[in-house]
PDB file of N, CA and C in Angstrom:
ATOM      1  N   MET A   1      89.506  62.822  97.716  1.00  0.00           N
ATOM      2  CA  MET A   1      88.642  63.306  96.656  1.00  0.00           C
ATOM      3  C   MET A   1      88.939  64.780  96.411  1.00  0.00           C
ATOM      4  N   LYS A   2      89.175  65.123  95.175  1.00  0.00           N
ATOM      5  CA  LYS A   2      89.487  66.501  94.814  1.00  0.00           C
ATOM      6  C   LYS A   2      88.214  67.202  94.339  1.00  0.00           C
ATOM      7  N   LEU A   3      87.915  68.356  94.922  1.00  0.00           N
ATOM      8  CA  LEU A   3      86.680  69.062  94.592  1.00  0.00           C
ATOM      9  C   LEU A   3      86.867  70.156  93.551  1.00  0.00           C
ATOM     10  N   ASP A   4      88.099  70.537  93.268  1.00  0.00           N
ATOM     11  CA  ASP A   4      88.384  71.617  92.314  1.00  0.00           C
ATOM     12  C   ASP A   4      87.673  72.918  92.679  1.00  0.00           C
ATOM     13  N   ILE A   5      87.638  73.228  93.962  1.00  0.00           N
ATOM     14  CA  ILE A   5      87.040  74.482  94.427  1.00  0.00           C
ATOM     15  C   ILE A   5      88.171  75.391  94.878  1.00  0.00           C
ATOM     16  N   LEU A   6      88.201  76.589  94.331  1.00  0.00           N
ATOM     17  CA  LEU A   6      89.241  77.547  94.694  1.00  0.00           C
ATOM     18  C   LEU A   6      88.890  78.255  95.997  1.00  0.00           C
ATOM     19  N   PRO A   7      89.882  78.569  96.810  1.00  0.00           N
ATOM     20  CA  PRO A   7      89.602  79.337  98.033  1.00  0.00           C
ATOM     21  C   PRO A   7      89.271  80.782  97.678  1.00  0.00           C
ATOM     22  N   VAL A   8      88.604  81.461  98.586  1.00  0.00           N
ATOM     23  CA  VAL A   8      88.284  82.871  98.353  1.00  0.00           C
ATOM     24  C   VAL A   8      89.566  83.695  98.411  1.00  0.00           C
ATOM     25  N   PRO A   9      89.639  84.786  97.670  1.00  0.00           N
ATOM     26  CA  PRO A   9      90.851  85.621  97.693  1.00  0.00           C
ATOM     27  C   PRO A   9      91.032  86.302  99.048  1.00  0.00           C
ATOM     28  N   PHE A  10      92.271  86.388  99.478  1.00  0.00           N
ATOM     29  CA  PHE A  10      92.618  87.082 100.720  1.00  0.00           C
ATOM     30  C   PHE A  10      92.938  88.527 100.374  1.00  0.00           C
ATOM     31  N   LEU A  11      92.215  89.468 100.972  1.00  0.00           N
ATOM     32  CA  LEU A  11      92.397  90.888 100.671  1.00  0.00           C
ATOM     33  C   LEU A  11      93.390  91.565 101.597  1.00  0.00           C
ATOM     34  N   GLY A  12      93.777  90.901 102.660  1.00  0.00           N
ATOM     35  CA  GLY A  12      94.729  91.476 103.589  1.00  0.00           C
ATOM     36  C   GLY A  12      94.088  91.777 104.926  1.00  0.00           C
ATOM     37  N   PHE A  13      94.889  92.343 105.816  1.00  0.00           N
ATOM     38  CA  PHE A  13      94.410  92.761 107.127  1.00  0.00           C
ATOM     39  C   PHE A  13      94.011  94.227 107.030  1.00  0.00           C
ATOM     40  N   LEU A  14      92.707  94.490 107.052  1.00  0.00           N
ATOM     41  CA  LEU A  14      92.181  95.834 106.851  1.00  0.00           C
ATOM     42  C   LEU A  14      91.356  96.265 108.060  1.00  0.00           C
ATOM     43  N   SER A  15      91.270  97.575 108.260  1.00  0.00           N
ATOM     44  CA  SER A  15      90.401  98.099 109.314  1.00  0.00           C
ATOM     45  C   SER A  15      88.968  98.111 108.784  1.00  0.00           C
ATOM     46  N   ILE A  16      88.007  98.254 109.680  1.00  0.00           N
ATOM     47  CA  ILE A  16      86.603  98.300 109.271  1.00  0.00           C
ATOM     48  C   ILE A  16      86.361  99.505 108.362  1.00  0.00           C
ATOM     49  N   GLN A  17      87.000 100.635 108.641  1.00  0.00           N
ATOM     50  CA  GLN A  17      86.832 101.822 107.808  1.00  0.00           C
ATOM     51  C   GLN A  17      87.344 101.569 106.384  1.00  0.00           C
ATOM     52  N   GLU A  18      88.467 100.874 106.257  1.00  0.00           N
ATOM     53  CA  GLU A  18      89.005 100.554 104.936  1.00  0.00           C
ATOM     54  C   GLU A  18      88.084  99.616 104.170  1.00  0.00           C
ATOM     55  N   ILE A  19      87.494  98.661 104.858  1.00  0.00           N
ATOM     56  CA  ILE A  19      86.577  97.718 104.217  1.00  0.00           C
ATOM     57  C   ILE A  19      85.326  98.437 103.731  1.00  0.00           C
ATOM     58  N   VAL A  20      84.754  99.289 104.573  1.00  0.00           N
ATOM     59  CA  VAL A  20      83.559 100.042 104.189  1.00  0.00           C
ATOM     60  C   VAL A  20      83.864 100.921 102.983  1.00  0.00           C
ATOM     61  N   TYR A  21      84.992 101.601 102.982  1.00  0.00           N
ATOM     62  CA  TYR A  21      85.359 102.458 101.845  1.00  0.00           C
ATOM     63  C   TYR A  21      85.495 101.625 100.568  1.00  0.00           C
ATOM     64  N   MET A  22      86.149 100.483 100.672  1.00  0.00           N
ATOM     65  CA  MET A  22      86.386  99.635  99.500  1.00  0.00           C
ATOM     66  C   MET A  22      85.065  99.131  98.918  1.00  0.00           C
ATOM     67  N   VAL A  23      84.163  98.633  99.765  1.00  0.00           N
ATOM     68  CA  VAL A  23      82.891  98.105  99.282  1.00  0.00           C
ATOM     69  C   VAL A  23      81.995  99.231  98.789  1.00  0.00           C
ATOM     70  N   LYS A  24      82.019 100.353  99.464  1.00  0.00           N
ATOM     71  CA  LYS A  24      81.178 101.498  99.087  1.00  0.00           C
ATOM     72  C   LYS A  24      81.560 102.065  97.723  1.00  0.00           C
ATOM     73  N   HIS A  25      82.845 101.993  97.392  1.00  0.00           N
ATOM     74  CA  HIS A  25      83.327 102.559  96.133  1.00  0.00           C
ATOM     75  C   HIS A  25      83.549 101.499  95.056  1.00  0.00           C
ATOM     76  N   LYS A  26      82.827 100.382  95.176  1.00  0.00           N
ATOM     77  CA  LYS A  26      82.749  99.359  94.116  1.00  0.00           C
ATOM     78  C   LYS A  26      84.105  98.870  93.638  1.00  0.00           C
ATOM     79  N   TYR A  27      84.760  98.071  94.441  1.00  0.00           N
ATOM     80  CA  TYR A  27      86.030  97.480  94.002  1.00  0.00           C
ATOM     81  C   TYR A  27      85.757  96.333  93.023  1.00  0.00           C
ATOM     82  N   ARG A  28      86.718  95.981  92.227  1.00  0.00           N
ATOM     83  CA  ARG A  28      86.574  94.973  91.183  1.00  0.00           C
ATOM     84  C   ARG A  28      86.677  93.560  91.757  1.00  0.00           C
ATOM     85  N   SER A  29      85.949  92.635  91.139  1.00  0.00           N
ATOM     86  CA  SER A  29      85.939  91.250  91.583  1.00  0.00           C
ATOM     87  C   SER A  29      87.225  90.547  91.183  1.00  0.00           C
ATOM     88  N   LEU A  30      87.944  90.018  92.154  1.00  0.00           N
ATOM     89  CA  LEU A  30      89.155  89.262  91.879  1.00  0.00           C
ATOM     90  C   LEU A  30      88.819  87.887  91.320  1.00  0.00           C
ATOM     91  N   VAL A  31      87.699  87.326  91.724  1.00  0.00           N
ATOM     92  CA  VAL A  31      87.290  86.004  91.242  1.00  0.00           C
ATOM     93  C   VAL A  31      86.949  86.065  89.756  1.00  0.00           C
ATOM     94  N   ALA A  32      86.182  87.061  89.330  1.00  0.00           N
ATOM     95  CA  ALA A  32      85.827  87.189  87.915  1.00  0.00           C
ATOM     96  C   ALA A  32      87.072  87.365  87.060  1.00  0.00           C
ATOM     97  N   GLU A  33      88.011  88.142  87.532  1.00  0.00           N
ATOM     98  CA  GLU A  33      89.251  88.366  86.789  1.00  0.00           C
ATOM     99  C   GLU A  33      90.080  87.079  86.711  1.00  0.00           C
ATOM    100  N   PHE A  34      90.167  86.349  87.803  1.00  0.00           N
ATOM    101  CA  PHE A  34      90.973  85.130  87.852  1.00  0.00           C
ATOM    102  C   PHE A  34      90.382  84.025  86.982  1.00  0.00           C
ATOM    103  N   GLU A  35      89.064  83.929  86.944  1.00  0.00           N
ATOM    104  CA  GLU A  35      88.408  82.867  86.190  1.00  0.00           C
ATOM    105  C   GLU A  35      88.247  83.206  84.710  1.00  0.00           C
ATOM    106  N   GLY A  36      88.829  84.307  84.271  1.00  0.00           N
ATOM    107  CA  GLY A  36      88.779  84.662  82.857  1.00  0.00           C
ATOM    108  C   GLY A  36      87.525  85.404  82.445  1.00  0.00           C
ATOM    109  N   GLY A  37      86.751  85.847  83.397  1.00  0.00           N
ATOM    110  CA  GLY A  37      85.536  86.599  83.089  1.00  0.00           C
ATOM    111  C   GLY A  37      85.845  88.066  82.847  1.00  0.00           C
ATOM    112  N   ASN A  38      84.846  88.890  82.977  1.00  0.00           N
ATOM    113  CA  ASN A  38      84.975  90.320  82.765  1.00  0.00           C
ATOM    114  C   ASN A  38      85.750  90.945  83.921  1.00  0.00           C
ATOM    115  N   PRO A  39      86.927  91.511  83.661  1.00  0.00           N
ATOM    116  CA  PRO A  39      87.714  92.110  84.750  1.00  0.00           C
ATOM    117  C   PRO A  39      87.093  93.392  85.317  1.00  0.00           C
ATOM    118  N   ASP A  40      86.074  93.938  84.642  1.00  0.00           N
ATOM    119  CA  ASP A  40      85.406  95.146  85.120  1.00  0.00           C
ATOM    120  C   ASP A  40      84.179  94.834  85.974  1.00  0.00           C
ATOM    121  N   TYR A  41      83.957  93.567  86.291  1.00  0.00           N
ATOM    122  CA  TYR A  41      82.807  93.159  87.087  1.00  0.00           C
ATOM    123  C   TYR A  41      83.019  93.561  88.547  1.00  0.00           C
ATOM    124  N   ASP A  42      82.025  94.214  89.121  1.00  0.00           N
ATOM    125  CA  ASP A  42      82.114  94.636  90.527  1.00  0.00           C
ATOM    126  C   ASP A  42      81.903  93.444  91.455  1.00  0.00           C
ATOM    127  N   ALA A  43      82.613  93.439  92.566  1.00  0.00           N
ATOM    128  CA  ALA A  43      82.459  92.381  93.565  1.00  0.00           C
ATOM    129  C   ALA A  43      81.134  92.564  94.299  1.00  0.00           C
ATOM    130  N   GLU A  44      80.569  91.465  94.776  1.00  0.00           N
ATOM    131  CA  GLU A  44      79.294  91.521  95.491  1.00  0.00           C
ATOM    132  C   GLU A  44      79.461  91.998  96.923  1.00  0.00           C
ATOM    133  N   GLY A  45      80.629  91.796  97.506  1.00  0.00           N
ATOM    134  CA  GLY A  45      80.847  92.210  98.878  1.00  0.00           C
ATOM    135  C   GLY A  45      82.051  91.525  99.490  1.00  0.00           C
ATOM    136  N   VAL A  46      82.128  91.598 100.819  1.00  0.00           N
ATOM    137  CA  VAL A  46      83.278  91.067 101.546  1.00  0.00           C
ATOM    138  C   VAL A  46      82.770  90.354 102.798  1.00  0.00           C
ATOM    139  N   VAL A  47      83.386  89.216 103.106  1.00  0.00           N
ATOM    140  CA  VAL A  47      83.155  88.536 104.380  1.00  0.00           C
ATOM    141  C   VAL A  47      84.418  88.734 105.204  1.00  0.00           C
ATOM    142  N   CYS A  48      84.264  89.271 106.397  1.00  0.00           N
ATOM    143  CA  CYS A  48      85.410  89.612 107.249  1.00  0.00           C
ATOM    144  C   CYS A  48      85.407  88.763 108.509  1.00  0.00           C
ATOM    145  N   LYS A  49      86.583  88.278 108.856  1.00  0.00           N
ATOM    146  CA  LYS A  49      86.755  87.505 110.081  1.00  0.00           C
ATOM    147  C   LYS A  49      87.916  88.092 110.867  1.00  0.00           C
ATOM    148  N   ALA A  50      87.806  88.036 112.189  1.00  0.00           N
ATOM    149  CA  ALA A  50      88.889  88.512 113.047  1.00  0.00           C
ATOM    150  C   ALA A  50      90.094  87.586 112.879  1.00  0.00           C
ATOM    151  N   PRO A  51      91.303  88.149 112.900  1.00  0.00           N
ATOM    152  CA  PRO A  51      92.495  87.318 112.713  1.00  0.00           C
ATOM    153  C   PRO A  51      92.755  86.388 113.891  1.00  0.00           C
ATOM    154  N   TYR A  52      93.475  85.332 113.620  1.00  0.00           N
ATOM    155  CA  TYR A  52      93.963  84.389 114.627  1.00  0.00           C
ATOM    156  C   TYR A  52      92.850  83.684 115.398  1.00  0.00           C
ATOM    157  N   GLY A  53      91.666  83.578 114.799  1.00  0.00           N
ATOM    158  CA  GLY A  53      90.581  82.858 115.462  1.00  0.00           C
ATOM    159  C   GLY A  53      90.069  83.522 116.721  1.00  0.00           C
ATOM    160  N   VAL A  54      90.087  84.844 116.777  1.00  0.00           N
ATOM    161  CA  VAL A  54      89.615  85.579 117.956  1.00  0.00           C
ATOM    162  C   VAL A  54      88.119  85.327 118.130  1.00  0.00           C
ATOM    163  N   LEU A  55      87.718  85.059 119.372  1.00  0.00           N
ATOM    164  CA  LEU A  55      86.320  84.780 119.688  1.00  0.00           C
ATOM    165  C   LEU A  55      85.745  85.873 120.589  1.00  0.00           C
ATOM    166  N   ASP A  56      84.409  86.008 120.555  1.00  0.00           N
ATOM    167  CA  ASP A  56      83.778  86.956 121.473  1.00  0.00           C
ATOM    168  C   ASP A  56      83.610  86.291 122.840  1.00  0.00           C
ATOM    169  N   ARG A  57      82.956  86.961 123.761  1.00  0.00           N
ATOM    170  CA  ARG A  57      82.816  86.436 125.128  1.00  0.00           C
ATOM    171  C   ARG A  57      81.947  85.185 125.203  1.00  0.00           C
ATOM    172  N   MET A  58      81.131  84.963 124.187  1.00  0.00           N
ATOM    173  CA  MET A  58      80.269  83.779 124.154  1.00  0.00           C
ATOM    174  C   MET A  58      80.933  82.605 123.435  1.00  0.00           C
ATOM    175  N   GLY A  59      82.168  82.802 122.977  1.00  0.00           N
ATOM    176  CA  GLY A  59      82.899  81.738 122.304  1.00  0.00           C
ATOM    177  C   GLY A  59      82.600  81.605 120.826  1.00  0.00           C
ATOM    178  N   LYS A  60      81.968  82.625 120.221  1.00  0.00           N
ATOM    179  CA  LYS A  60      81.640  82.594 118.797  1.00  0.00           C
ATOM    180  C   LYS A  60      82.672  83.391 118.016  1.00  0.00           C
ATOM    181  N   ARG A  61      82.898  82.969 116.757  1.00  0.00           N
ATOM    182  CA  ARG A  61      83.846  83.701 115.911  1.00  0.00           C
ATOM    183  C   ARG A  61      83.337  85.106 115.633  1.00  0.00           C
ATOM    184  N   ILE A  62      84.252  86.061 115.581  1.00  0.00           N
ATOM    185  CA  ILE A  62      83.900  87.437 115.254  1.00  0.00           C
ATOM    186  C   ILE A  62      84.011  87.587 113.745  1.00  0.00           C
ATOM    187  N   MET A  63      82.864  87.809 113.094  1.00  0.00           N
ATOM    188  CA  MET A  63      82.866  87.977 111.646  1.00  0.00           C
ATOM    189  C   MET A  63      81.632  88.759 111.220  1.00  0.00           C
ATOM    190  N   PHE A  64      81.718  89.384 110.023  1.00  0.00           N
ATOM    191  CA  PHE A  64      80.570  90.080 109.460  1.00  0.00           C
ATOM    192  C   PHE A  64      80.685  90.094 107.943  1.00  0.00           C
ATOM    193  N   LYS A  65      79.557  90.351 107.294  1.00  0.00           N
ATOM    194  CA  LYS A  65      79.499  90.411 105.840  1.00  0.00           C
ATOM    195  C   LYS A  65      79.003  91.793 105.438  1.00  0.00           C
ATOM    196  N   LEU A  66      79.674  92.391 104.484  1.00  0.00           N
ATOM    197  CA  LEU A  66      79.280  93.704 103.980  1.00  0.00           C
ATOM    198  C   LEU A  66      79.079  93.587 102.477  1.00  0.00           C
ATOM    199  N   LYS A  67      77.874  93.884 102.013  1.00  0.00           N
ATOM    200  CA  LYS A  67      77.530  93.724 100.603  1.00  0.00           C
ATOM    201  C   LYS A  67      77.506  95.072  99.895  1.00  0.00           C
ATOM    202  N   SER A  68      77.815  95.042  98.606  1.00  0.00           N
ATOM    203  CA  SER A  68      77.799  96.275  97.797  1.00  0.00           C
ATOM    204  C   SER A  68      76.395  96.862  97.722  1.00  0.00           C
ATOM    205  N   LYS A  69      75.376  95.996  97.672  1.00  0.00           N
ATOM    206  CA  LYS A  69      74.000  96.496  97.544  1.00  0.00           C
ATOM    207  C   LYS A  69      73.533  97.216  98.807  1.00  0.00           C
ATOM    208  N   ASP A  70      74.271  97.074  99.919  1.00  0.00           N
ATOM    209  CA  ASP A  70      73.931  97.824 101.132  1.00  0.00           C
ATOM    210  C   ASP A  70      74.140  99.324 100.935  1.00  0.00           C
ATOM    211  N   PHE A  71      74.917  99.716  99.932  1.00  0.00           N
ATOM    212  CA  PHE A  71      75.225 101.122  99.698  1.00  0.00           C
ATOM    213  C   PHE A  71      74.563 101.683  98.451  1.00  0.00           C
ATOM    214  N   SER A  72      73.640 100.925  97.839  1.00  0.00           N
ATOM    215  CA  SER A  72      72.999 101.447  96.615  1.00  0.00           C
ATOM    216  C   SER A  72      71.596 101.908  96.867  1.00  0.00           C
TER     217      SER A  72
END
């Protein structure tokens, strides 16, 4: 069964400082641009995961979400 759902854009391997700077300074939404919407639309935020499936000591994935509204 095909769901026609696009994967989220991959922004690359970034440090936490780079991610905070990018979200704090309102980067543009890649999804809005790709789907033919307004290319000047600001992204809502970023979901970050550690590469290669790195887990913490409790066996949980290392990940966090940083939203643009956290800086407004």
